[in-house]
Amino acid sequence: MSDLKKIIGLSSVLAIGFMLVILSGALYRNWYPLLIVIPFLLAPLPQFLTERYSSSHDFLQEEDRNLLDFGRFVFGATISTGFALPIVFVNVSLTNTPAAIMSCVGGFIIFMVITIYSQAFTIHEEEF
């Protein structure tokens, strides 16, 4: 598949994700579900930064493993926050259940598009 087709496909799926999040606020006249986008947009950053700044990916070096594990921990905590915020919003009556479900699904789609894009367009260097 050509790169242009990948970009067009991913951008259309990304538009669906943003549409779900915006509709979750607009349909129920409550804009708190828009806050759900922030954790899903910020989730890949810790993992990208820690993978970039670790000197090597040798599994025997403890320093690099600690940095990579910290990046994965922050990544998981951010994703968990993205799914926990709508539940908290429903429990404190800031939003209703359908809006929370729509914002979770939209945020998950946005996160998956970012992840797929980063995996599809990274250039892997071969080591000799």
N, C-alpha and C. Protein backbone atom coordinates (compact mmCIF):
# COMPACT_ATOMS: atom_id res chain seq x y z
N MET A 1 0.84 -1.17 0.00
CA MET A 1 0.00 0.00 0.00
C MET A 1 0.89 1.24 0.00
N SER A 2 0.56 2.20 -0.81
CA SER A 2 1.40 3.40 -0.91
C SER A 2 1.21 4.28 0.33
N ASP A 3 2.19 5.15 0.52
CA ASP A 3 2.16 6.03 1.68
C ASP A 3 0.98 7.00 1.63
N LEU A 4 0.62 7.45 0.45
CA LEU A 4 -0.49 8.39 0.32
C LEU A 4 -1.81 7.73 0.73
N LYS A 5 -2.01 6.48 0.36
CA LYS A 5 -3.23 5.78 0.76
C LYS A 5 -3.27 5.56 2.27
N LYS A 6 -2.11 5.29 2.87
CA LYS A 6 -2.06 5.14 4.32
C LYS A 6 -2.44 6.43 5.02
N ILE A 7 -1.90 7.54 4.54
CA ILE A 7 -2.19 8.83 5.16
C ILE A 7 -3.66 9.20 5.01
N ILE A 8 -4.22 8.96 3.83
CA ILE A 8 -5.63 9.28 3.60
C ILE A 8 -6.52 8.41 4.49
N GLY A 9 -6.21 7.14 4.60
CA GLY A 9 -6.99 6.25 5.45
C GLY A 9 -6.91 6.62 6.92
N LEU A 10 -5.68 6.90 7.39
CA LEU A 10 -5.52 7.27 8.79
C LEU A 10 -6.18 8.61 9.10
N SER A 11 -6.12 9.56 8.17
CA SER A 11 -6.74 10.86 8.43
C SER A 11 -8.26 10.75 8.48
N SER A 12 -8.84 9.88 7.67
CA SER A 12 -10.29 9.71 7.73
C SER A 12 -10.71 9.04 9.03
N VAL A 13 -9.95 8.08 9.50
CA VAL A 13 -10.26 7.43 10.78
C VAL A 13 -10.05 8.42 11.93
N LEU A 14 -9.02 9.26 11.84
CA LEU A 14 -8.77 10.28 12.85
C LEU A 14 -9.93 11.27 12.91
N ALA A 15 -10.46 11.63 11.75
CA ALA A 15 -11.62 12.54 11.71
C ALA A 15 -12.83 11.91 12.39
N ILE A 16 -13.01 10.60 12.23
CA ILE A 16 -14.12 9.92 12.91
C ILE A 16 -13.93 9.97 14.43
N GLY A 17 -12.69 9.77 14.88
CA GLY A 17 -12.42 9.84 16.32
C GLY A 17 -12.70 11.21 16.89
N PHE A 18 -12.23 12.26 16.21
CA PHE A 18 -12.50 13.61 16.69
C PHE A 18 -13.99 13.94 16.61
N MET A 19 -14.67 13.43 15.59
CA MET A 19 -16.11 13.67 15.47
C MET A 19 -16.86 13.04 16.65
N LEU A 20 -16.47 11.84 17.04
CA LEU A 20 -17.12 11.20 18.19
C LEU A 20 -16.91 12.00 19.47
N VAL A 21 -15.71 12.50 19.67
CA VAL A 21 -15.44 13.26 20.89
C VAL A 21 -16.20 14.58 20.88
N ILE A 22 -16.22 15.26 19.74
CA ILE A 22 -16.94 16.53 19.66
C ILE A 22 -18.44 16.31 19.80
N LEU A 23 -18.95 15.25 19.17
CA LEU A 23 -20.39 14.96 19.30
C LEU A 23 -20.77 14.57 20.72
N SER A 24 -19.86 13.94 21.44
CA SER A 24 -20.18 13.58 22.82
C SER A 24 -20.41 14.82 23.67
N GLY A 25 -19.77 15.92 23.30
CA GLY A 25 -20.02 17.17 24.01
C GLY A 25 -21.20 17.94 23.44
N ALA A 26 -21.33 17.95 22.12
CA ALA A 26 -22.35 18.77 21.47
C ALA A 26 -23.75 18.19 21.63
N LEU A 27 -23.90 16.88 21.54
CA LEU A 27 -25.23 16.29 21.61
C LEU A 27 -25.87 16.44 22.99
N TYR A 28 -25.05 16.43 24.01
CA TYR A 28 -25.58 16.49 25.37
C TYR A 28 -25.33 17.84 26.03
N ARG A 29 -24.86 18.82 25.25
CA ARG A 29 -24.63 20.20 25.72
C ARG A 29 -23.76 20.23 26.98
N ASN A 30 -22.72 19.45 26.95
CA ASN A 30 -21.78 19.39 28.07
C ASN A 30 -20.40 19.18 27.47
N TRP A 31 -19.48 20.08 27.74
CA TRP A 31 -18.19 20.05 27.05
C TRP A 31 -17.08 19.41 27.87
N TYR A 32 -17.40 18.81 28.99
CA TYR A 32 -16.38 18.09 29.76
C TYR A 32 -15.78 16.90 29.02
N PRO A 33 -16.53 16.19 28.17
CA PRO A 33 -15.90 15.07 27.46
C PRO A 33 -14.74 15.48 26.54
N LEU A 34 -14.63 16.75 26.20
CA LEU A 34 -13.49 17.17 25.37
C LEU A 34 -12.17 17.06 26.12
N LEU A 35 -12.22 17.04 27.44
CA LEU A 35 -10.99 16.89 28.23
C LEU A 35 -10.38 15.50 28.07
N ILE A 36 -11.15 14.56 27.56
CA ILE A 36 -10.67 13.19 27.40
C ILE A 36 -9.62 13.11 26.30
N VAL A 37 -9.65 14.04 25.36
CA VAL A 37 -8.70 14.00 24.24
C VAL A 37 -7.27 14.23 24.72
N ILE A 38 -7.10 15.04 25.76
CA ILE A 38 -5.75 15.41 26.21
C ILE A 38 -4.91 14.19 26.61
N PRO A 39 -5.40 13.28 27.47
CA PRO A 39 -4.56 12.12 27.79
C PRO A 39 -4.26 11.23 26.59
N PHE A 40 -5.22 11.08 25.68
CA PHE A 40 -4.97 10.22 24.53
C PHE A 40 -3.98 10.84 23.55
N LEU A 41 -3.94 12.17 23.48
CA LEU A 41 -2.95 12.82 22.62
C LEU A 41 -1.56 12.80 23.25
N LEU A 42 -1.49 12.89 24.57
CA LEU A 42 -0.20 12.92 25.26
C LEU A 42 0.36 11.53 25.57
N ALA A 43 -0.43 10.49 25.41
CA ALA A 43 0.00 9.14 25.81
C ALA A 43 1.24 8.64 25.08
N PRO A 44 1.39 8.81 23.77
CA PRO A 44 2.58 8.26 23.12
C PRO A 44 3.88 9.01 23.43
N LEU A 45 3.80 10.24 23.93
CA LEU A 45 5.01 11.03 24.15
C LEU A 45 6.03 10.41 25.10
N PRO A 46 5.65 9.91 26.28
CA PRO A 46 6.67 9.34 27.17
C PRO A 46 7.41 8.16 26.55
N GLN A 47 6.69 7.33 25.84
CA GLN A 47 7.35 6.17 25.25
C GLN A 47 8.29 6.58 24.12
N PHE A 48 7.87 7.54 23.29
CA PHE A 48 8.75 8.01 22.22
C PHE A 48 10.00 8.67 22.78
N LEU A 49 9.84 9.49 23.82
CA LEU A 49 10.99 10.18 24.38
C LEU A 49 11.96 9.23 25.06
N THR A 50 11.45 8.27 25.81
CA THR A 50 12.36 7.35 26.49
C THR A 50 13.04 6.40 25.52
N GLU A 51 12.36 6.01 24.45
CA GLU A 51 13.02 5.17 23.44
C GLU A 51 14.09 5.96 22.70
N ARG A 52 13.85 7.23 22.49
CA ARG A 52 14.82 8.06 21.77
C ARG A 52 16.07 8.32 22.61
N TYR A 53 15.90 8.56 23.91
CA TYR A 53 17.03 8.93 24.74
C TYR A 53 17.73 7.76 25.41
N SER A 54 17.25 6.57 25.23
CA SER A 54 18.01 5.43 25.74
C SER A 54 19.12 5.15 24.73
N SER A 55 20.32 4.92 25.23
CA SER A 55 21.48 4.83 24.34
C SER A 55 21.47 3.56 23.49
N SER A 56 21.00 2.48 24.03
CA SER A 56 20.92 1.25 23.25
C SER A 56 19.73 0.44 23.76
N HIS A 57 19.38 -0.56 22.99
CA HIS A 57 18.26 -1.40 23.38
C HIS A 57 18.75 -2.78 23.81
N ASP A 58 19.92 -2.82 24.41
CA ASP A 58 20.47 -4.07 24.91
C ASP A 58 19.75 -4.44 26.21
N PHE A 59 19.24 -5.63 26.28
CA PHE A 59 18.45 -6.02 27.44
C PHE A 59 19.30 -6.28 28.67
N LEU A 60 20.63 -6.30 28.53
CA LEU A 60 21.49 -6.54 29.67
C LEU A 60 21.89 -5.26 30.40
N GLN A 61 21.69 -4.11 29.78
CA GLN A 61 22.06 -2.85 30.43
C GLN A 61 20.89 -2.37 31.28
N GLU A 62 21.13 -2.27 32.57
CA GLU A 62 20.06 -1.96 33.52
C GLU A 62 19.60 -0.50 33.40
N GLU A 63 20.51 0.43 33.11
CA GLU A 63 20.13 1.84 33.04
C GLU A 63 19.09 2.08 31.96
N ASP A 64 19.33 1.54 30.79
CA ASP A 64 18.40 1.74 29.68
C ASP A 64 17.08 1.05 29.94
N ARG A 65 17.11 -0.09 30.59
CA ARG A 65 15.87 -0.79 30.91
C ARG A 65 15.02 0.04 31.87
N ASN A 66 15.67 0.68 32.84
CA ASN A 66 14.92 1.50 33.79
C ASN A 66 14.24 2.67 33.09
N LEU A 67 14.94 3.30 32.17
CA LEU A 67 14.36 4.43 31.44
C LEU A 67 13.20 3.97 30.57
N LEU A 68 13.38 2.86 29.87
CA LEU A 68 12.29 2.34 29.04
C LEU A 68 11.10 1.89 29.88
N ASP A 69 11.37 1.27 31.02
CA ASP A 69 10.27 0.85 31.90
C ASP A 69 9.51 2.05 32.46
N PHE A 70 10.24 3.12 32.78
CA PHE A 70 9.57 4.33 33.26
C PHE A 70 8.68 4.92 32.17
N GLY A 71 9.17 4.93 30.94
CA GLY A 71 8.36 5.43 29.83
C GLY A 71 7.11 4.61 29.62
N ARG A 72 7.23 3.30 29.74
CA ARG A 72 6.06 2.43 29.60
C ARG A 72 5.07 2.62 30.75
N PHE A 73 5.61 2.86 31.95
CA PHE A 73 4.73 3.10 33.09
C PHE A 73 3.93 4.39 32.92
N VAL A 74 4.60 5.46 32.51
CA VAL A 74 3.90 6.74 32.30
C VAL A 74 2.90 6.61 31.16
N PHE A 75 3.27 5.85 30.13
CA PHE A 75 2.36 5.59 29.01
C PHE A 75 1.09 4.89 29.50
N GLY A 76 1.25 3.85 30.28
CA GLY A 76 0.10 3.12 30.80
C GLY A 76 -0.75 3.96 31.74
N ALA A 77 -0.10 4.78 32.56
CA ALA A 77 -0.85 5.64 33.47
C ALA A 77 -1.66 6.68 32.70
N THR A 78 -1.10 7.19 31.61
CA THR A 78 -1.82 8.18 30.82
C THR A 78 -3.01 7.56 30.10
N ILE A 79 -2.83 6.37 29.56
CA ILE A 79 -3.95 5.67 28.91
C ILE A 79 -5.03 5.34 29.94
N SER A 80 -4.63 4.90 31.12
CA SER A 80 -5.61 4.61 32.16
C SER A 80 -6.38 5.86 32.57
N THR A 81 -5.69 6.99 32.62
CA THR A 81 -6.35 8.25 32.92
C THR A 81 -7.38 8.60 31.86
N GLY A 82 -7.04 8.34 30.60
CA GLY A 82 -7.97 8.62 29.52
C GLY A 82 -9.25 7.82 29.62
N PHE A 83 -9.17 6.60 30.11
CA PHE A 83 -10.38 5.79 30.28
C PHE A 83 -11.05 6.03 31.63
N ALA A 84 -10.30 6.47 32.64
CA ALA A 84 -10.88 6.67 33.96
C ALA A 84 -11.61 8.01 34.09
N LEU A 85 -11.16 9.02 33.37
CA LEU A 85 -11.81 10.34 33.47
C LEU A 85 -13.30 10.30 33.13
N PRO A 86 -13.72 9.65 32.05
CA PRO A 86 -15.17 9.62 31.79
C PRO A 86 -15.95 8.90 32.89
N ILE A 87 -15.36 7.87 33.46
CA ILE A 87 -16.04 7.16 34.55
C ILE A 87 -16.20 8.08 35.76
N VAL A 88 -15.15 8.83 36.06
CA VAL A 88 -15.23 9.79 37.16
C VAL A 88 -16.25 10.88 36.85
N PHE A 89 -16.25 11.37 35.62
CA PHE A 89 -17.22 12.40 35.23
C PHE A 89 -18.66 11.90 35.36
N VAL A 90 -18.90 10.64 35.02
CA VAL A 90 -20.25 10.08 35.16
C VAL A 90 -20.60 9.93 36.64
N ASN A 91 -19.66 9.49 37.46
CA ASN A 91 -19.94 9.29 38.88
C ASN A 91 -20.21 10.58 39.63
N VAL A 92 -19.60 11.68 39.22
CA VAL A 92 -19.85 12.96 39.89
C VAL A 92 -20.90 13.78 39.14
N SER A 93 -21.58 13.16 38.20
CA SER A 93 -22.69 13.75 37.43
C SER A 93 -22.28 14.97 36.60
N LEU A 94 -21.06 14.98 36.10
CA LEU A 94 -20.66 16.03 35.16
C LEU A 94 -21.11 15.71 33.74
N THR A 95 -21.15 14.44 33.40
CA THR A 95 -21.63 14.00 32.09
C THR A 95 -22.57 12.81 32.29
N ASN A 96 -23.17 12.38 31.19
CA ASN A 96 -24.00 11.18 31.27
C ASN A 96 -23.27 10.02 30.59
N THR A 97 -23.80 8.84 30.73
CA THR A 97 -23.13 7.62 30.27
C THR A 97 -22.90 7.57 28.77
N PRO A 98 -23.88 7.90 27.91
CA PRO A 98 -23.60 7.85 26.47
C PRO A 98 -22.49 8.81 26.03
N ALA A 99 -22.44 9.98 26.65
CA ALA A 99 -21.37 10.93 26.31
C ALA A 99 -20.01 10.38 26.73
N ALA A 100 -19.95 9.71 27.87
CA ALA A 100 -18.70 9.13 28.33
C ALA A 100 -18.25 8.00 27.41
N ILE A 101 -19.20 7.18 26.97
CA ILE A 101 -18.85 6.08 26.06
C ILE A 101 -18.36 6.62 24.73
N MET A 102 -19.05 7.63 24.20
CA MET A 102 -18.63 8.21 22.92
C MET A 102 -17.25 8.84 23.03
N SER A 103 -16.97 9.53 24.13
CA SER A 103 -15.66 10.16 24.27
C SER A 103 -14.56 9.12 24.46
N CYS A 104 -14.84 8.02 25.16
CA CYS A 104 -13.84 6.95 25.31
C CYS A 104 -13.53 6.29 23.97
N VAL A 105 -14.57 5.99 23.21
CA VAL A 105 -14.35 5.36 21.90
C VAL A 105 -13.61 6.31 20.97
N GLY A 106 -14.00 7.58 20.96
CA GLY A 106 -13.31 8.56 20.13
C GLY A 106 -11.86 8.75 20.54
N GLY A 107 -11.60 8.82 21.84
CA GLY A 107 -10.23 8.94 22.32
C GLY A 107 -9.39 7.73 21.99
N PHE A 108 -9.99 6.54 22.09
CA PHE A 108 -9.27 5.32 21.74
C PHE A 108 -8.92 5.31 20.25
N ILE A 109 -9.86 5.75 19.40
CA ILE A 109 -9.59 5.82 17.96
C ILE A 109 -8.46 6.79 17.68
N ILE A 110 -8.48 7.95 18.34
CA ILE A 110 -7.41 8.95 18.15
C ILE A 110 -6.07 8.37 18.56
N PHE A 111 -6.03 7.70 19.71
CA PHE A 111 -4.79 7.10 20.18
C PHE A 111 -4.28 6.03 19.22
N MET A 112 -5.17 5.18 18.73
CA MET A 112 -4.77 4.12 17.81
C MET A 112 -4.24 4.68 16.50
N VAL A 113 -4.84 5.76 16.00
CA VAL A 113 -4.35 6.36 14.76
C VAL A 113 -2.95 6.92 14.96
N ILE A 114 -2.70 7.57 16.10
CA ILE A 114 -1.36 8.09 16.37
C ILE A 114 -0.36 6.95 16.45
N THR A 115 -0.72 5.86 17.12
CA THR A 115 0.18 4.72 17.25
C THR A 115 0.44 4.05 15.91
N ILE A 116 -0.60 3.84 15.12
CA ILE A 116 -0.43 3.20 13.81
C ILE A 116 0.40 4.08 12.89
N TYR A 117 0.17 5.39 12.94
CA TYR A 117 0.95 6.30 12.11
C TYR A 117 2.43 6.24 12.48
N SER A 118 2.71 6.25 13.77
CA SER A 118 4.12 6.22 14.18
C SER A 118 4.78 4.89 13.83
N GLN A 119 4.04 3.80 13.86
CA GLN A 119 4.61 2.50 13.50
C GLN A 119 4.75 2.34 11.99
N ALA A 120 3.82 2.91 11.24
CA ALA A 120 3.84 2.72 9.78
C ALA A 120 4.91 3.55 9.09
N PHE A 121 5.27 4.68 9.68
CA PHE A 121 6.18 5.58 9.00
C PHE A 121 7.53 5.72 9.70
N THR A 122 7.88 4.79 10.57
CA THR A 122 9.23 4.81 11.15
C THR A 122 10.16 4.01 10.25
N ILE A 123 11.36 4.49 10.14
CA ILE A 123 12.38 3.81 9.33
C ILE A 123 13.26 3.01 10.29
N HIS A 124 13.25 1.72 10.13
CA HIS A 124 14.06 0.85 10.98
C HIS A 124 15.42 0.66 10.33
N GLU A 125 16.46 1.00 11.10
CA GLU A 125 17.82 0.85 10.60
C GLU A 125 18.32 -0.55 10.94
N GLU A 126 18.93 -1.17 9.98
CA GLU A 126 19.50 -2.50 10.18
C GLU A 126 20.89 -2.36 10.81
N GLU A 127 21.17 -3.17 11.82
CA GLU A 127 22.50 -3.19 12.41
C GLU A 127 23.27 -4.36 11.82
N PHE A 128 24.54 -4.14 11.59
CA PHE A 128 25.37 -5.19 10.98
C PHE A 128 26.08 -5.97 12.03
